[in-house]
Amino acid sequence: MHQTTKSALSQLKQLCPNQSSVAVCLNQLRQAKIQFLNLGNIIICPQYRFILIFKQRKLMEIETFSA
């Protein structure tokens, strides 16, 4: 994983720790001015190539993806 991606992932995990609600994560992303696409149980952050996966409205994991 690229260093920039690691620091961005670290920042994202601070903004949205495990078990955070969807609403808290959305608010945190907005405040940090991180662009995202909300698909309900999945939030995609294309700028950093992260996918936040929720189960029963709680954050379960953060995955990275490549184009």
N, C-alpha and C. Protein backbone atom coordinates (compact mmCIF):
# COMPACT_ATOMS: atom_id res chain seq x y z
N MET A 1 0.85 -1.18 0.00
CA MET A 1 0.00 0.00 0.00
C MET A 1 0.89 1.24 0.00
N HIS A 2 0.57 2.21 -0.76
CA HIS A 2 1.33 3.45 -0.89
C HIS A 2 1.27 4.24 0.43
N GLN A 3 2.33 4.97 0.76
CA GLN A 3 2.41 5.71 2.02
C GLN A 3 1.27 6.71 2.18
N THR A 4 0.94 7.44 1.11
CA THR A 4 -0.15 8.40 1.17
C THR A 4 -1.46 7.70 1.51
N THR A 5 -1.66 6.53 0.93
CA THR A 5 -2.86 5.76 1.20
C THR A 5 -2.89 5.32 2.67
N LYS A 6 -1.72 4.94 3.21
CA LYS A 6 -1.66 4.52 4.61
C LYS A 6 -2.01 5.68 5.53
N SER A 7 -1.51 6.87 5.26
CA SER A 7 -1.82 8.01 6.13
C SER A 7 -3.30 8.41 5.98
N ALA A 8 -3.82 8.32 4.77
CA ALA A 8 -5.24 8.62 4.56
C ALA A 8 -6.11 7.58 5.26
N LEU A 9 -5.70 6.32 5.21
CA LEU A 9 -6.44 5.26 5.89
C LEU A 9 -6.42 5.49 7.40
N SER A 10 -5.28 5.88 7.92
CA SER A 10 -5.16 6.17 9.35
C SER A 10 -6.08 7.32 9.74
N GLN A 11 -6.11 8.37 8.91
CA GLN A 11 -6.99 9.51 9.18
C GLN A 11 -8.46 9.08 9.14
N LEU A 12 -8.80 8.27 8.15
CA LEU A 12 -10.17 7.81 8.02
C LEU A 12 -10.59 6.96 9.22
N LYS A 13 -9.69 6.11 9.70
CA LYS A 13 -10.00 5.28 10.87
C LYS A 13 -10.17 6.12 12.13
N GLN A 14 -9.51 7.26 12.19
CA GLN A 14 -9.71 8.17 13.32
C GLN A 14 -11.07 8.86 13.21
N LEU A 15 -11.44 9.24 11.98
CA LEU A 15 -12.72 9.90 11.77
C LEU A 15 -13.89 8.94 11.99
N CYS A 16 -13.71 7.70 11.53
CA CYS A 16 -14.78 6.69 11.58
C CYS A 16 -14.25 5.39 12.18
N PRO A 17 -14.12 5.33 13.50
CA PRO A 17 -13.65 4.08 14.10
C PRO A 17 -14.67 2.95 13.92
N ASN A 18 -14.22 1.72 14.08
CA ASN A 18 -15.11 0.56 13.98
C ASN A 18 -16.33 0.75 14.87
N GLN A 19 -17.45 0.29 14.41
CA GLN A 19 -18.74 0.35 15.09
C GLN A 19 -19.37 1.75 15.07
N SER A 20 -18.77 2.70 14.33
CA SER A 20 -19.39 4.01 14.18
C SER A 20 -20.67 3.86 13.36
N SER A 21 -21.62 4.73 13.61
CA SER A 21 -22.86 4.68 12.84
C SER A 21 -22.64 5.32 11.47
N VAL A 22 -23.54 5.01 10.55
CA VAL A 22 -23.49 5.60 9.21
C VAL A 22 -23.57 7.12 9.33
N ALA A 23 -24.48 7.62 10.16
CA ALA A 23 -24.67 9.06 10.30
C ALA A 23 -23.41 9.75 10.79
N VAL A 24 -22.74 9.18 11.78
CA VAL A 24 -21.50 9.76 12.30
C VAL A 24 -20.44 9.80 11.21
N CYS A 25 -20.28 8.71 10.48
CA CYS A 25 -19.28 8.67 9.41
C CYS A 25 -19.59 9.69 8.31
N LEU A 26 -20.84 9.81 7.93
CA LEU A 26 -21.21 10.78 6.90
C LEU A 26 -20.89 12.21 7.37
N ASN A 27 -21.22 12.51 8.62
CA ASN A 27 -20.92 13.84 9.16
C ASN A 27 -19.42 14.10 9.22
N GLN A 28 -18.66 13.10 9.64
CA GLN A 28 -17.21 13.24 9.72
C GLN A 28 -16.59 13.46 8.34
N LEU A 29 -17.07 12.71 7.35
CA LEU A 29 -16.57 12.86 5.99
C LEU A 29 -16.89 14.25 5.45
N ARG A 30 -18.10 14.74 5.72
CA ARG A 30 -18.49 16.08 5.27
C ARG A 30 -17.60 17.14 5.92
N GLN A 31 -17.39 17.03 7.23
CA GLN A 31 -16.57 18.02 7.94
C GLN A 31 -15.13 18.01 7.45
N ALA A 32 -14.61 16.82 7.09
CA ALA A 32 -13.24 16.71 6.59
C ALA A 32 -13.15 17.05 5.11
N LYS A 33 -14.30 17.37 4.51
CA LYS A 33 -14.37 17.71 3.08
C LYS A 33 -13.83 16.59 2.19
N ILE A 34 -14.18 15.35 2.56
CA ILE A 34 -13.82 14.17 1.78
C ILE A 34 -15.03 13.81 0.92
N GLN A 35 -14.85 13.74 -0.38
CA GLN A 35 -15.96 13.38 -1.27
C GLN A 35 -16.31 11.91 -1.09
N PHE A 36 -17.61 11.61 -1.17
CA PHE A 36 -18.05 10.24 -0.99
C PHE A 36 -19.34 10.00 -1.77
N LEU A 37 -19.62 8.73 -1.97
CA LEU A 37 -20.87 8.28 -2.58
C LEU A 37 -21.54 7.37 -1.56
N ASN A 38 -22.71 7.76 -1.10
CA ASN A 38 -23.44 6.98 -0.09
C ASN A 38 -24.39 6.01 -0.79
N LEU A 39 -24.13 4.73 -0.62
CA LEU A 39 -24.99 3.69 -1.22
C LEU A 39 -25.76 2.92 -0.16
N GLY A 40 -25.97 3.54 0.99
CA GLY A 40 -26.72 2.87 2.05
C GLY A 40 -25.79 2.15 3.00
N ASN A 41 -25.57 0.85 2.77
CA ASN A 41 -24.68 0.06 3.63
C ASN A 41 -23.23 0.14 3.18
N ILE A 42 -22.97 0.88 2.13
CA ILE A 42 -21.61 1.05 1.61
C ILE A 42 -21.40 2.53 1.30
N ILE A 43 -20.26 3.07 1.74
CA ILE A 43 -19.87 4.43 1.37
C ILE A 43 -18.55 4.32 0.63
N ILE A 44 -18.51 4.92 -0.55
CA ILE A 44 -17.30 4.88 -1.38
C ILE A 44 -16.66 6.27 -1.36
N CYS A 45 -15.35 6.29 -1.10
CA CYS A 45 -14.56 7.53 -1.16
C CYS A 45 -13.58 7.39 -2.32
N PRO A 46 -14.00 7.82 -3.52
CA PRO A 46 -13.18 7.58 -4.71
C PRO A 46 -11.83 8.30 -4.70
N GLN A 47 -11.76 9.46 -4.07
CA GLN A 47 -10.52 10.23 -4.03
C GLN A 47 -9.40 9.44 -3.34
N TYR A 48 -9.75 8.71 -2.29
CA TYR A 48 -8.77 7.92 -1.54
C TYR A 48 -8.86 6.42 -1.83
N ARG A 49 -9.85 6.05 -2.63
CA ARG A 49 -10.08 4.65 -3.01
C ARG A 49 -10.36 3.76 -1.81
N PHE A 50 -11.29 4.21 -0.97
CA PHE A 50 -11.73 3.44 0.18
C PHE A 50 -13.20 3.10 0.06
N ILE A 51 -13.56 1.97 0.62
CA ILE A 51 -14.95 1.56 0.73
C ILE A 51 -15.22 1.29 2.20
N LEU A 52 -16.22 1.95 2.75
CA LEU A 52 -16.63 1.72 4.13
C LEU A 52 -17.84 0.79 4.09
N ILE A 53 -17.76 -0.31 4.79
CA ILE A 53 -18.82 -1.32 4.76
C ILE A 53 -19.53 -1.35 6.11
N PHE A 54 -20.84 -1.20 6.06
CA PHE A 54 -21.66 -1.16 7.27
C PHE A 54 -22.56 -2.39 7.35
N LYS A 55 -22.81 -2.83 8.55
CA LYS A 55 -23.78 -3.91 8.79
C LYS A 55 -24.63 -3.46 9.97
N GLN A 56 -25.93 -3.47 9.79
CA GLN A 56 -26.88 -3.00 10.79
C GLN A 56 -26.53 -1.58 11.24
N ARG A 57 -26.20 -0.74 10.24
CA ARG A 57 -25.92 0.69 10.43
C ARG A 57 -24.65 0.99 11.22
N LYS A 58 -23.78 -0.01 11.44
CA LYS A 58 -22.51 0.16 12.15
C LYS A 58 -21.36 -0.19 11.22
N LEU A 59 -20.27 0.58 11.30
CA LEU A 59 -19.10 0.35 10.46
C LEU A 59 -18.43 -0.97 10.84
N MET A 60 -18.29 -1.85 9.86
CA MET A 60 -17.66 -3.15 10.09
C MET A 60 -16.22 -3.17 9.59
N GLU A 61 -15.97 -2.56 8.41
CA GLU A 61 -14.61 -2.57 7.89
C GLU A 61 -14.42 -1.48 6.84
N ILE A 62 -13.14 -1.16 6.62
CA ILE A 62 -12.76 -0.21 5.59
C ILE A 62 -11.82 -0.96 4.65
N GLU A 63 -12.19 -1.01 3.37
CA GLU A 63 -11.41 -1.71 2.35
C GLU A 63 -10.82 -0.68 1.39
N THR A 64 -9.72 -1.05 0.75
CA THR A 64 -9.16 -0.22 -0.32
C THR A 64 -9.48 -0.89 -1.65
N PHE A 65 -9.51 -0.09 -2.70
CA PHE A 65 -9.73 -0.66 -4.03
C PHE A 65 -8.84 0.05 -5.03
N SER A 66 -8.61 -0.59 -6.16
CA SER A 66 -7.83 0.03 -7.22
C SER A 66 -8.71 0.17 -8.46
N ALA A 67 -8.37 1.13 -9.28
CA ALA A 67 -9.19 1.42 -10.46
C ALA A 67 -9.00 0.40 -11.54
